[in-house]
N, C-alpha and C. Protein backbone atom coordinates (compact mmCIF):
# COMPACT_ATOMS: atom_id res chain seq x y z
N ASN A 1 10.76 -34.67 -28.96
CA ASN A 1 10.26 -35.10 -29.98
C ASN A 1 9.48 -36.82 -29.64
N ASN A 2 10.53 -37.08 -29.09
CA ASN A 2 10.56 -38.23 -28.98
C ASN A 2 10.45 -39.03 -27.86
N TRP A 3 8.52 -39.37 -27.62
CA TRP A 3 8.37 -39.93 -26.43
C TRP A 3 7.46 -41.12 -26.66
N ARG A 4 7.34 -42.06 -26.04
CA ARG A 4 6.69 -43.55 -26.41
C ARG A 4 6.55 -43.89 -24.96
N TYR A 5 4.98 -44.17 -24.96
CA TYR A 5 4.65 -44.87 -23.78
C TYR A 5 4.96 -46.10 -22.89
N ILE A 6 5.31 -45.95 -21.76
CA ILE A 6 6.13 -47.58 -20.56
C ILE A 6 4.91 -47.85 -20.50
N SER A 7 4.71 -49.00 -19.43
CA SER A 7 3.67 -49.19 -19.35
C SER A 7 4.59 -49.49 -17.40
N ALA A 8 3.60 -48.69 -16.39
CA ALA A 8 4.03 -48.84 -15.12
C ALA A 8 3.07 -49.21 -14.16
N PRO A 9 3.32 -50.08 -13.28
CA PRO A 9 2.79 -50.15 -12.49
C PRO A 9 1.88 -49.57 -10.87
N VAL A 10 2.65 -48.23 -11.11
CA VAL A 10 2.89 -47.11 -9.64
C VAL A 10 1.47 -46.17 -10.41
N ASP A 11 1.13 -45.48 -9.48
CA ASP A 11 0.07 -44.14 -9.28
C ASP A 11 1.05 -43.12 -9.71
N THR A 12 1.99 -43.17 -9.00
CA THR A 12 2.99 -41.84 -8.90
C THR A 12 4.56 -42.16 -9.39
N VAL A 13 4.84 -41.16 -9.84
CA VAL A 13 6.39 -41.60 -9.82
C VAL A 13 7.06 -40.86 -8.73
N SER A 14 7.78 -41.04 -7.67
CA SER A 14 7.97 -39.79 -6.39
C SER A 14 9.46 -39.63 -6.51
N GLY A 15 10.28 -39.96 -7.55
CA GLY A 15 11.56 -39.78 -7.68
C GLY A 15 12.19 -39.99 -8.27
N TYR A 16 13.78 -39.62 -8.43
CA TYR A 16 14.27 -40.49 -9.42
C TYR A 16 16.11 -39.64 -8.29
N ILE A 17 16.75 -41.12 -8.73
CA ILE A 17 18.31 -40.82 -7.93
C ILE A 17 19.09 -41.11 -8.92
N LEU A 18 21.06 -41.13 -9.14
CA LEU A 18 21.10 -41.02 -9.96
C LEU A 18 22.61 -41.20 -8.66
N SER A 19 22.93 -41.83 -7.95
CA SER A 19 24.43 -42.15 -6.77
C SER A 19 23.62 -43.00 -5.78
N PRO A 20 24.72 -44.05 -5.59
CA PRO A 20 25.52 -44.54 -6.23
C PRO A 20 25.30 -45.21 -7.80
N ALA A 21 24.03 -45.83 -7.29
CA ALA A 21 23.38 -45.99 -9.29
C ALA A 21 21.68 -45.47 -9.53
N PRO A 22 21.77 -45.52 -10.71
CA PRO A 22 19.86 -45.14 -11.14
C PRO A 22 18.73 -45.60 -10.21
N LEU A 23 17.90 -45.20 -9.94
CA LEU A 23 16.91 -45.61 -9.06
C LEU A 23 15.82 -44.52 -9.21
N LEU A 24 14.56 -45.27 -9.81
CA LEU A 24 13.51 -44.45 -10.02
C LEU A 24 12.68 -45.36 -8.88
N TYR A 25 10.99 -44.53 -8.66
CA TYR A 25 10.72 -44.91 -6.96
C TYR A 25 9.36 -44.23 -7.81
N GLY A 26 8.54 -45.17 -7.54
CA GLY A 26 7.22 -44.75 -7.35
C GLY A 26 6.57 -45.31 -6.56
N LYS A 27 4.73 -45.14 -6.20
CA LYS A 27 3.73 -45.95 -5.32
C LYS A 27 2.82 -46.43 -6.00
N LYS A 28 2.33 -47.57 -5.56
CA LYS A 28 1.35 -47.27 -5.58
C LYS A 28 0.16 -47.87 -4.43
N SER A 29 -0.77 -47.45 -4.19
CA SER A 29 -1.50 -47.78 -2.97
C SER A 29 -0.65 -48.19 -1.49
N ASN A 30 -0.77 -49.05 -1.07
CA ASN A 30 0.16 -49.76 -0.29
C ASN A 30 1.66 -50.33 -0.65
N LYS A 31 2.01 -50.30 -2.40
CA LYS A 31 2.94 -50.87 -2.59
C LYS A 31 3.87 -50.13 -2.84
N ILE A 32 5.27 -50.16 -2.40
CA ILE A 32 6.37 -49.28 -3.42
C ILE A 32 7.11 -50.19 -4.22
N TYR A 33 7.15 -49.23 -5.67
CA TYR A 33 7.86 -50.11 -6.92
C TYR A 33 9.25 -49.41 -6.65
N LEU A 34 10.48 -50.60 -8.13
CA LEU A 34 11.17 -49.48 -8.35
C LEU A 34 12.33 -49.61 -9.27
N SER A 35 13.03 -49.16 -10.28
CA SER A 35 13.49 -49.58 -11.44
C SER A 35 14.48 -48.59 -11.71
N ARG A 36 15.23 -49.63 -12.28
CA ARG A 36 16.65 -49.60 -12.29
C ARG A 36 17.18 -48.61 -13.61
N ASP A 37 15.65 -49.05 -14.34
CA ASP A 37 16.78 -48.68 -16.16
C ASP A 37 15.60 -48.44 -16.73
N LEU A 38 15.54 -46.47 -15.94
CA LEU A 38 14.46 -45.77 -15.94
C LEU A 38 13.22 -45.64 -17.10
N GLY A 39 12.38 -46.87 -15.54
CA GLY A 39 10.85 -47.45 -16.19
C GLY A 39 10.45 -48.61 -16.68
N GLU A 40 11.69 -48.86 -17.26
CA GLU A 40 11.56 -50.23 -18.32
C GLU A 40 10.60 -51.23 -17.84
N ASN A 41 11.30 -51.82 -16.60
CA ASN A 41 10.88 -52.86 -16.29
C ASN A 41 10.96 -52.57 -14.37
N TRP A 42 9.86 -52.33 -13.78
CA TRP A 42 9.19 -52.36 -12.20
C TRP A 42 9.21 -53.66 -11.46
N ILE A 43 10.55 -54.08 -10.27
CA ILE A 43 10.43 -54.81 -9.42
C ILE A 43 9.36 -53.96 -8.13
N LEU A 44 8.74 -55.30 -7.32
CA LEU A 44 7.54 -54.48 -6.36
C LEU A 44 8.63 -54.31 -4.92
N SER A 45 8.76 -53.78 -4.66
CA SER A 45 10.08 -53.53 -3.27
C SER A 45 9.09 -53.62 -1.96
N LEU A 46 8.00 -53.18 -1.61
CA LEU A 46 8.23 -53.20 0.05
C LEU A 46 5.82 -53.06 -0.41
N THR A 47 5.59 -53.94 0.47
CA THR A 47 4.45 -53.42 0.29
C THR A 47 4.14 -53.92 2.08
N ALA A 48 2.93 -52.33 2.23
CA ALA A 48 2.73 -52.46 3.71
C ALA A 48 1.94 -53.72 4.71
N TYR A 49 1.28 -53.58 5.82
CA TYR A 49 0.94 -54.74 6.77
C TYR A 49 -0.46 -53.84 6.14
N GLN A 50 -1.33 -55.01 5.98
CA GLN A 50 -2.86 -55.38 5.04
C GLN A 50 -3.55 -54.06 6.22
N ASN A 51 -4.35 -54.00 5.38
CA ASN A 51 -4.89 -52.14 5.59
C ASN A 51 -4.40 -50.62 5.53
N GLU A 52 -3.47 -51.16 5.63
CA GLU A 52 -2.05 -49.76 5.94
C GLU A 52 -2.12 -49.11 4.17
N ILE A 53 -2.00 -47.91 4.67
CA ILE A 53 -1.26 -47.18 2.81
C ILE A 53 -0.60 -46.45 3.23
N ILE A 54 0.66 -46.29 2.38
CA ILE A 54 1.49 -45.61 1.77
C ILE A 54 1.71 -44.07 1.30
N TYR A 55 1.22 -43.31 1.62
CA TYR A 55 1.00 -41.92 1.58
C TYR A 55 2.07 -41.43 0.79
N SER A 56 3.83 -41.42 0.88
CA SER A 56 5.02 -40.25 0.44
C SER A 56 5.89 -41.32 0.18
N SER A 57 6.88 -41.71 -0.29
CA SER A 57 8.36 -42.74 -0.27
C SER A 57 9.50 -40.88 -0.64
N PHE A 58 10.10 -41.30 -0.11
CA PHE A 58 11.50 -40.91 -0.68
C PHE A 58 13.04 -41.45 -0.33
N PHE A 59 13.74 -41.55 -1.50
CA PHE A 59 15.40 -42.05 -1.28
C PHE A 59 16.34 -40.72 -1.11
N LEU A 60 17.14 -40.79 0.11
CA LEU A 60 18.12 -40.12 -0.06
C LEU A 60 19.28 -40.71 -0.91
N ASN A 61 19.75 -41.33 -1.08
CA ASN A 61 20.58 -42.00 -2.59
C ASN A 61 19.42 -43.41 -2.64
N SER A 62 20.86 -43.99 -3.45
CA SER A 62 20.12 -45.22 -4.22
C SER A 62 20.33 -46.49 -3.36
N ASN A 63 20.47 -46.38 -1.83
CA ASN A 63 21.04 -47.92 -1.08
C ASN A 63 19.36 -47.18 0.49
N THR A 64 19.39 -45.99 0.54
CA THR A 64 18.89 -45.64 1.82
C THR A 64 17.84 -45.23 1.21
N GLY A 65 16.15 -45.57 1.78
CA GLY A 65 14.90 -44.71 1.64
C GLY A 65 13.98 -45.40 2.58
N TYR A 66 12.85 -44.14 2.47
CA TYR A 66 11.44 -44.06 3.78
C TYR A 66 10.34 -44.17 3.05
N ALA A 67 9.46 -44.66 3.49
CA ALA A 67 7.88 -44.91 2.99
C ALA A 67 7.19 -45.08 4.81
N VAL A 68 6.18 -43.77 3.83
CA VAL A 68 5.67 -43.26 5.41
C VAL A 68 4.08 -43.26 5.13
N GLY A 69 2.86 -43.56 6.32
CA GLY A 69 2.23 -43.39 5.97
C GLY A 69 0.89 -43.91 7.20
N SER A 70 -0.55 -44.78 6.93
CA SER A 70 -0.86 -44.65 8.50
C SER A 70 -1.71 -45.99 8.47
N LYS A 71 -1.47 -46.73 9.64
CA LYS A 71 -1.91 -47.51 10.21
C LYS A 71 -3.93 -47.64 9.55
N PRO A 72 -4.16 -48.91 10.06
CA PRO A 72 -5.85 -48.61 9.60
C PRO A 72 -6.96 -47.88 10.70
N ASP A 73 -7.72 -47.48 10.49
CA ASP A 73 -9.16 -46.67 11.20
C ASP A 73 -9.17 -48.11 12.61
N PRO A 74 -9.62 -47.27 13.65
CA PRO A 74 -9.66 -46.01 14.02
C PRO A 74 -8.43 -45.51 14.15
N TYR A 75 -7.57 -45.10 14.88
CA TYR A 75 -6.68 -44.53 14.90
C TYR A 75 -5.24 -43.86 14.24
N LEU A 76 -5.72 -44.25 13.03
CA LEU A 76 -4.94 -43.70 11.90
C LEU A 76 -3.25 -43.40 12.11
N LYS A 77 -2.35 -43.83 13.12
CA LYS A 77 -1.36 -43.62 13.46
C LYS A 77 -0.16 -43.75 12.35
N GLY A 78 1.39 -43.20 12.69
CA GLY A 78 2.08 -43.05 11.78
C GLY A 78 2.95 -44.36 11.70
N ARG A 79 3.10 -44.49 10.12
CA ARG A 79 3.72 -46.10 10.02
C ARG A 79 4.96 -45.42 9.70
N ILE A 80 6.16 -45.75 9.28
CA ILE A 80 7.38 -45.62 8.62
C ILE A 80 8.37 -46.99 8.26
N TYR A 81 8.79 -47.22 7.31
CA TYR A 81 9.58 -47.81 7.00
C TYR A 81 10.63 -47.30 6.40
N ARG A 82 11.71 -48.30 6.39
CA ARG A 82 13.68 -47.79 6.32
C ARG A 82 13.98 -48.65 5.26
N THR A 83 14.98 -48.58 4.38
CA THR A 83 15.02 -50.19 3.85
C THR A 83 17.05 -49.15 3.69
N THR A 84 18.32 -50.03 3.69
CA THR A 84 19.41 -49.61 3.44
C THR A 84 20.13 -50.41 2.65
N SER A 85 19.43 -51.24 2.17
CA SER A 85 19.74 -51.77 0.66
C SER A 85 19.23 -51.86 -0.21
N SER A 86 18.60 -50.65 -0.94
CA SER A 86 18.41 -50.21 -2.07
C SER A 86 17.23 -50.77 -2.44
N GLY A 87 16.78 -51.32 -1.81
CA GLY A 87 14.35 -51.68 -1.29
C GLY A 87 15.08 -53.35 -1.03
N PHE A 88 15.54 -53.90 -1.00
CA PHE A 88 15.81 -55.40 -1.52
C PHE A 88 14.78 -55.56 0.13
N SER A 89 14.95 -55.26 1.15
CA SER A 89 14.72 -55.43 2.14
C SER A 89 13.91 -54.12 3.06
N TRP A 90 12.81 -54.44 3.79
CA TRP A 90 12.26 -52.64 4.86
C TRP A 90 12.54 -53.17 6.25
N ASP A 91 12.98 -52.45 6.95
CA ASP A 91 13.02 -52.63 8.47
C ASP A 91 10.97 -51.53 8.32
N THR A 92 10.74 -51.41 9.56
CA THR A 92 9.48 -51.06 10.45
C THR A 92 10.46 -50.59 11.30
N LEU A 93 10.12 -48.97 11.68
CA LEU A 93 10.85 -48.06 11.99
C LEU A 93 9.70 -48.68 13.45
N ASN A 94 10.17 -48.58 15.13
CA ASN A 94 8.89 -48.57 15.90
C ASN A 94 9.17 -46.70 16.55
N ALA A 95 8.50 -46.05 15.44
CA ALA A 95 8.64 -44.49 16.20
C ALA A 95 7.42 -44.38 16.82
N ALA A 96 7.12 -43.66 17.93
CA ALA A 96 5.74 -43.85 18.46
C ALA A 96 5.20 -42.22 17.69
N LEU A 97 3.87 -42.63 16.44
CA LEU A 97 3.90 -41.65 16.05
C LEU A 97 2.51 -41.41 16.09
N ALA A 98 1.63 -40.58 16.52
CA ALA A 98 0.08 -40.21 17.37
C ALA A 98 -0.70 -40.11 16.13
N TYR A 99 -0.11 -39.51 14.48
CA TYR A 99 -0.84 -39.76 13.43
C TYR A 99 -0.41 -39.77 11.76
N GLY A 100 -0.71 -40.52 11.42
CA GLY A 100 -0.18 -40.48 10.14
C GLY A 100 0.58 -39.61 9.38
N LEU A 101 1.49 -40.18 8.39
CA LEU A 101 2.48 -39.18 7.97
C LEU A 101 2.23 -38.96 6.63
N ARG A 102 2.24 -38.00 5.97
CA ARG A 102 1.07 -37.71 4.44
C ARG A 102 3.02 -37.54 3.85
N SER A 103 3.36 -36.74 4.29
CA SER A 103 4.92 -36.88 3.26
C SER A 103 6.11 -37.01 3.92
N VAL A 104 7.41 -37.09 3.63
CA VAL A 104 8.94 -37.15 3.71
C VAL A 104 10.07 -36.84 3.28
N ASN A 105 10.72 -36.72 4.03
CA ASN A 105 12.15 -35.86 3.06
C ASN A 105 13.23 -35.89 3.76
N PHE A 106 13.96 -36.22 4.07
CA PHE A 106 15.59 -36.61 4.68
C PHE A 106 16.47 -35.58 3.96
N ILE A 107 17.40 -33.99 5.30
CA ILE A 107 18.40 -34.02 4.26
C ILE A 107 20.38 -34.75 4.51
N ASN A 108 20.21 -35.47 5.17
CA ASN A 108 21.52 -36.32 5.33
C ASN A 108 20.75 -37.60 5.79
N SER A 109 21.34 -38.79 6.36
CA SER A 109 21.06 -39.55 7.23
C SER A 109 20.81 -39.96 8.16
N ASN A 110 20.69 -38.67 9.13
CA ASN A 110 19.87 -38.89 10.08
C ASN A 110 19.12 -37.94 10.60
N THR A 111 19.13 -36.78 9.97
CA THR A 111 18.23 -35.78 9.25
C THR A 111 16.60 -35.43 8.40
N GLY A 112 15.49 -35.58 8.78
CA GLY A 112 14.57 -35.88 8.16
C GLY A 112 13.26 -35.03 8.46
N PHE A 113 12.66 -35.04 7.78
CA PHE A 113 11.48 -34.20 8.17
C PHE A 113 10.51 -35.15 7.83
N ALA A 114 8.65 -34.56 8.88
CA ALA A 114 7.73 -35.16 8.09
C ALA A 114 6.42 -34.23 8.51
N ILE A 115 5.64 -34.62 7.32
CA ILE A 115 4.04 -33.52 7.37
C ILE A 115 3.03 -34.72 8.53
N THR A 116 2.50 -34.16 9.17
CA THR A 116 1.09 -35.51 10.19
C THR A 116 0.14 -35.25 9.23
N PHE A 117 -1.62 -36.26 8.94
CA PHE A 117 -2.09 -35.43 8.74
C PHE A 117 -3.21 -35.20 10.53
N SER A 118 -4.38 -35.62 10.17
CA SER A 118 -5.14 -35.51 11.17
C SER A 118 -5.23 -34.04 12.35
N GLN A 119 -4.27 -34.06 13.03
CA GLN A 119 -3.69 -33.07 12.94
C GLN A 119 -2.45 -32.81 12.56
N PRO A 120 -2.66 -32.07 11.62
CA PRO A 120 -1.32 -31.75 11.05
C PRO A 120 -0.03 -30.72 12.24
N HIS A 121 1.02 -31.51 11.50
CA HIS A 121 2.21 -30.53 12.24
C HIS A 121 3.74 -31.30 11.64
N LEU A 122 4.85 -30.33 11.73
CA LEU A 122 5.86 -31.01 10.61
C LEU A 122 7.05 -30.94 12.19
N ILE A 123 7.17 -32.83 11.67
CA ILE A 123 7.88 -33.34 13.00
C ILE A 123 9.42 -33.64 12.52
N LYS A 124 9.68 -33.91 12.91
CA LYS A 124 11.69 -33.56 12.38
C LYS A 124 12.32 -34.99 13.35
N THR A 125 13.09 -35.72 12.60
CA THR A 125 13.84 -36.47 12.99
C THR A 125 15.29 -36.03 13.21
N THR A 126 16.59 -36.82 13.80
CA THR A 126 17.81 -36.49 14.36
C THR A 126 18.90 -37.69 14.75
N ASN A 127 17.98 -39.25 14.12
CA ASN A 127 18.14 -39.90 13.95
C ASN A 127 18.14 -41.34 12.78
N GLY A 128 17.76 -40.64 12.43
CA GLY A 128 17.14 -41.75 10.89
C GLY A 128 16.15 -42.29 11.49
N GLY A 129 15.04 -41.19 11.61
CA GLY A 129 13.32 -41.76 11.71
C GLY A 129 13.22 -42.97 12.88
N ASN A 130 14.37 -42.83 13.80
CA ASN A 130 14.26 -43.64 15.24
C ASN A 130 13.06 -43.33 15.83
N THR A 131 13.27 -41.72 16.72
CA THR A 131 12.06 -40.95 16.92
C THR A 131 12.32 -39.70 16.57
N TRP A 132 10.55 -39.12 17.09
CA TRP A 132 10.58 -37.67 16.08
C TRP A 132 9.99 -36.92 16.79
N VAL A 133 10.11 -35.26 16.94
CA VAL A 133 9.84 -34.65 17.68
C VAL A 133 9.09 -33.81 17.17
N THR A 134 7.50 -32.61 17.48
CA THR A 134 7.20 -31.83 16.56
C THR A 134 8.24 -31.01 16.83
N ILE A 135 7.78 -29.58 15.68
CA ILE A 135 8.81 -28.57 15.74
C ILE A 135 8.05 -26.95 14.95
N LEU A 136 6.66 -27.48 14.59
CA LEU A 136 5.69 -26.67 13.65
C LEU A 136 4.14 -27.04 13.74
N ASN A 137 3.39 -26.59 14.41
CA ASN A 137 1.96 -26.78 14.72
C ASN A 137 1.66 -26.16 13.17
N LEU A 138 1.19 -27.06 12.82
CA LEU A 138 -0.02 -26.66 11.71
C LEU A 138 -1.25 -26.79 11.55
N VAL A 139 -1.63 -26.77 13.17
CA VAL A 139 -3.38 -26.71 13.17
C VAL A 139 -3.69 -25.25 12.82
N ASN A 140 -5.36 -25.45 11.98
CA ASN A 140 -5.55 -24.24 11.69
C ASN A 140 -5.08 -23.42 10.35
N SER A 141 -4.30 -24.48 9.74
CA SER A 141 -3.78 -24.20 8.96
C SER A 141 -3.70 -24.44 7.14
N SER A 142 -3.29 -23.96 6.47
CA SER A 142 -3.77 -24.64 4.69
C SER A 142 -3.02 -26.13 4.90
N PHE A 143 -3.48 -26.91 4.29
CA PHE A 143 -3.13 -28.17 4.17
C PHE A 143 -2.12 -28.15 3.11
N PHE A 144 -0.95 -28.41 3.98
CA PHE A 144 0.35 -28.74 3.82
C PHE A 144 0.39 -30.33 3.31
N ASN A 145 0.88 -30.52 2.20
CA ASN A 145 0.78 -31.82 1.38
C ASN A 145 2.16 -33.16 1.47
N GLU A 146 3.10 -31.58 1.38
CA GLU A 146 4.81 -32.47 0.69
C GLU A 146 5.88 -31.50 1.05
N ILE A 147 6.96 -31.81 1.68
CA ILE A 147 8.01 -31.86 1.40
C ILE A 147 9.49 -31.83 0.57
N VAL A 148 9.96 -30.27 0.58
CA VAL A 148 10.68 -30.51 -0.83
C VAL A 148 11.78 -30.63 -0.20
N PHE A 149 13.28 -30.66 -0.70
CA PHE A 149 14.47 -29.87 0.27
C PHE A 149 15.35 -29.73 -1.57
N PHE A 150 15.74 -28.68 -1.60
CA PHE A 150 17.11 -28.76 -3.06
C PHE A 150 17.73 -29.06 -2.27
N ASP A 151 18.75 -29.24 -1.24
CA ASP A 151 20.15 -29.02 -0.85
C ASP A 151 19.59 -30.12 0.54
N ILE A 152 20.74 -29.38 1.90
CA ILE A 152 21.08 -29.92 2.56
C ILE A 152 20.10 -28.52 3.55
N ASN A 153 20.38 -27.40 3.40
CA ASN A 153 19.73 -26.20 3.93
C ASN A 153 18.57 -25.43 3.39
N ASN A 154 17.98 -25.24 2.15
CA ASN A 154 17.12 -25.10 1.89
C ASN A 154 15.47 -26.01 1.69
N GLY A 155 14.45 -25.47 1.83
CA GLY A 155 13.37 -26.52 1.34
C GLY A 155 12.17 -26.17 1.36
N TYR A 156 11.03 -25.83 1.27
CA TYR A 156 9.82 -26.37 1.14
C TYR A 156 8.77 -27.14 1.80
N ILE A 157 7.37 -26.65 1.83
CA ILE A 157 6.54 -27.33 2.47
C ILE A 157 5.43 -26.78 1.33
N LYS A 158 4.71 -26.94 0.71
CA LYS A 158 3.72 -26.83 0.07
C LYS A 158 2.39 -27.15 0.16
N GLY A 159 1.18 -25.70 -0.16
CA GLY A 159 -0.15 -25.98 0.39
C GLY A 159 -1.26 -25.58 -1.25
N PRO A 160 -1.99 -25.73 -0.77
CA PRO A 160 -2.86 -25.39 -2.12
C PRO A 160 -3.11 -23.83 -2.01
N TYR A 161 -2.70 -23.22 -0.93
CA TYR A 161 -2.71 -21.80 -0.80
C TYR A 161 -1.86 -20.67 0.04
N ASP A 162 -0.47 -21.83 0.27
CA ASP A 162 0.63 -21.80 1.33
C ASP A 162 1.89 -22.48 0.75
N ILE A 163 2.39 -21.43 0.70
CA ILE A 163 3.91 -22.45 1.24
C ILE A 163 5.10 -22.13 2.50
N LEU A 164 5.95 -22.44 2.95
CA LEU A 164 6.22 -22.38 4.19
C LEU A 164 8.43 -22.84 3.25
N CYS A 165 9.42 -22.06 3.71
CA CYS A 165 9.90 -22.04 3.00
C CYS A 165 11.01 -21.80 4.68
N THR A 166 12.61 -22.46 4.24
CA THR A 166 13.02 -22.15 5.35
C THR A 166 14.96 -22.24 4.62
N SER A 167 15.31 -21.84 5.02
CA SER A 167 17.20 -22.18 4.49
C SER A 167 18.14 -21.63 5.55
N ASN A 168 17.61 -22.94 6.71
CA ASN A 168 18.91 -22.90 7.73
C ASN A 168 18.21 -24.34 8.21
N GLN A 169 18.34 -25.50 7.61
CA GLN A 169 17.56 -27.02 7.73
C GLN A 169 16.62 -27.14 8.79
N GLY A 170 15.73 -26.40 8.27
CA GLY A 170 14.50 -26.31 9.19
C GLY A 170 14.20 -25.89 10.46
N SER A 171 15.41 -24.84 10.78
CA SER A 171 15.42 -24.40 12.21
C SER A 171 14.65 -23.46 12.28
N ASN A 172 14.00 -22.45 11.10
CA ASN A 172 13.04 -21.50 10.50
C ASN A 172 12.33 -21.83 9.59
N TRP A 173 10.95 -21.46 10.11
CA TRP A 173 10.15 -21.36 8.78
C TRP A 173 8.72 -20.11 8.75
N TYR A 174 8.89 -19.95 7.39
CA TYR A 174 8.55 -18.43 6.53
C TYR A 174 7.62 -19.02 5.58
N TRP A 175 6.74 -17.89 6.18
CA TRP A 175 5.06 -18.55 5.35
C TRP A 175 4.77 -17.57 4.44
N TYR A 176 4.26 -18.14 3.40
CA TYR A 176 4.03 -17.13 1.89
C TYR A 176 2.96 -17.33 1.42
N SER A 177 2.08 -16.42 0.88
CA SER A 177 0.45 -16.76 0.52
C SER A 177 0.66 -16.79 -0.63
N THR A 178 0.53 -18.19 -1.94
CA THR A 178 0.26 -18.07 -3.37
C THR A 178 -0.97 -17.91 -3.67
N GLY A 179 -2.27 -18.04 -2.91
CA GLY A 179 -3.05 -17.82 -3.62
C GLY A 179 -3.23 -19.18 -4.16
N PRO A 180 -4.55 -19.25 -4.59
CA PRO A 180 -5.20 -20.78 -4.98
C PRO A 180 -4.30 -21.31 -6.17
N SER A 181 -3.97 -22.52 -5.84
CA SER A 181 -2.98 -23.68 -6.72
C SER A 181 -2.55 -24.90 -6.50
N LYS A 182 -3.04 -25.48 -7.71
CA LYS A 182 -3.33 -26.93 -7.18
C LYS A 182 -1.85 -27.60 -7.06
N ASN A 183 -0.83 -26.81 -7.50
CA ASN A 183 0.08 -27.48 -7.46
C ASN A 183 1.32 -26.52 -7.41
N THR A 184 2.49 -26.34 -6.20
CA THR A 184 3.40 -25.28 -6.57
C THR A 184 4.66 -25.48 -6.86
N PHE A 185 5.98 -25.46 -7.55
CA PHE A 185 7.34 -26.04 -7.83
C PHE A 185 8.16 -25.10 -7.12
N LEU A 186 8.68 -24.74 -6.99
CA LEU A 186 10.52 -24.21 -6.77
C LEU A 186 11.15 -24.77 -7.64
N LYS A 187 11.71 -23.41 -7.58
CA LYS A 187 12.72 -23.95 -9.01
C LYS A 187 13.60 -23.46 -7.57
N ASN A 188 14.33 -22.63 -6.83
CA ASN A 188 14.56 -21.66 -5.32
C ASN A 188 14.35 -21.64 -4.86
N LEU A 189 14.40 -20.87 -3.31
CA LEU A 189 13.70 -20.06 -2.90
C LEU A 189 13.37 -18.79 -3.52
N ASP A 190 13.69 -18.45 -4.46
CA ASP A 190 13.21 -17.53 -4.96
C ASP A 190 12.21 -17.25 -6.72
N GLU A 191 12.10 -18.34 -6.97
CA GLU A 191 11.57 -18.09 -7.83
C GLU A 191 10.67 -20.29 -7.94
N GLY A 192 9.48 -19.88 -8.65
CA GLY A 192 8.85 -21.07 -8.89
C GLY A 192 7.69 -21.09 -10.04
N LEU A 193 6.61 -21.54 -9.30
CA LEU A 193 5.66 -22.22 -10.44
C LEU A 193 4.34 -22.47 -9.72
N GLY A 194 2.65 -22.05 -9.79
CA GLY A 194 1.83 -22.13 -9.08
C GLY A 194 0.81 -22.86 -10.46
N ILE A 195 0.55 -23.96 -10.21
CA ILE A 195 0.11 -24.66 -11.48
C ILE A 195 -2.03 -24.40 -10.87
N GLY A 196 -2.75 -24.03 -11.81
CA GLY A 196 -4.17 -24.27 -11.72
C GLY A 196 -4.71 -23.39 -10.44
N THR A 197 -5.79 -23.25 -10.73
CA THR A 197 -6.87 -22.69 -9.57
C THR A 197 -8.19 -23.55 -9.29
N TYR A 198 -8.06 -23.33 -7.97
CA TYR A 198 -9.78 -24.25 -7.05
C TYR A 198 -10.51 -23.74 -7.60
């Protein structure tokens, strides 16, 4: 019943981390912003290279985070940034990525997943984002736009018509049709909600 407006510099609030310290993070265009007081105040944490776009960010904990996107036209190759200092500084990872990245998620400090666009694939890293391999071809499939993990084992990839689910750390993925939906939210692999239609 008690809500109030808070001005924020972000278009999207991407997530919230509690441990080892509270951290709210969001993005706008080619910038990542952080708040350590539930959105009352924000700091500019990362500005991508000129003409690059950040599509997704993810913090494994309040120290370690990733931001992914694409380099400028005409190639649209992928770009990955990583922080291990709570966003005070970021490194550019020299991963050889042929396509831009739309979404990223990590289940531990080594293992992460990302979705590419232009030629959509699900890619995986086992060394903290330094190198990636394709584990699933999503070409000619639904427009998948976000990958989410509930815990180290269970996660899903969502799109406007379908979802892919895993229960074994991404070793196997199972395809389910949701029908037209602007957004899908799963409470777990058995319960979820699809919102809106096209």
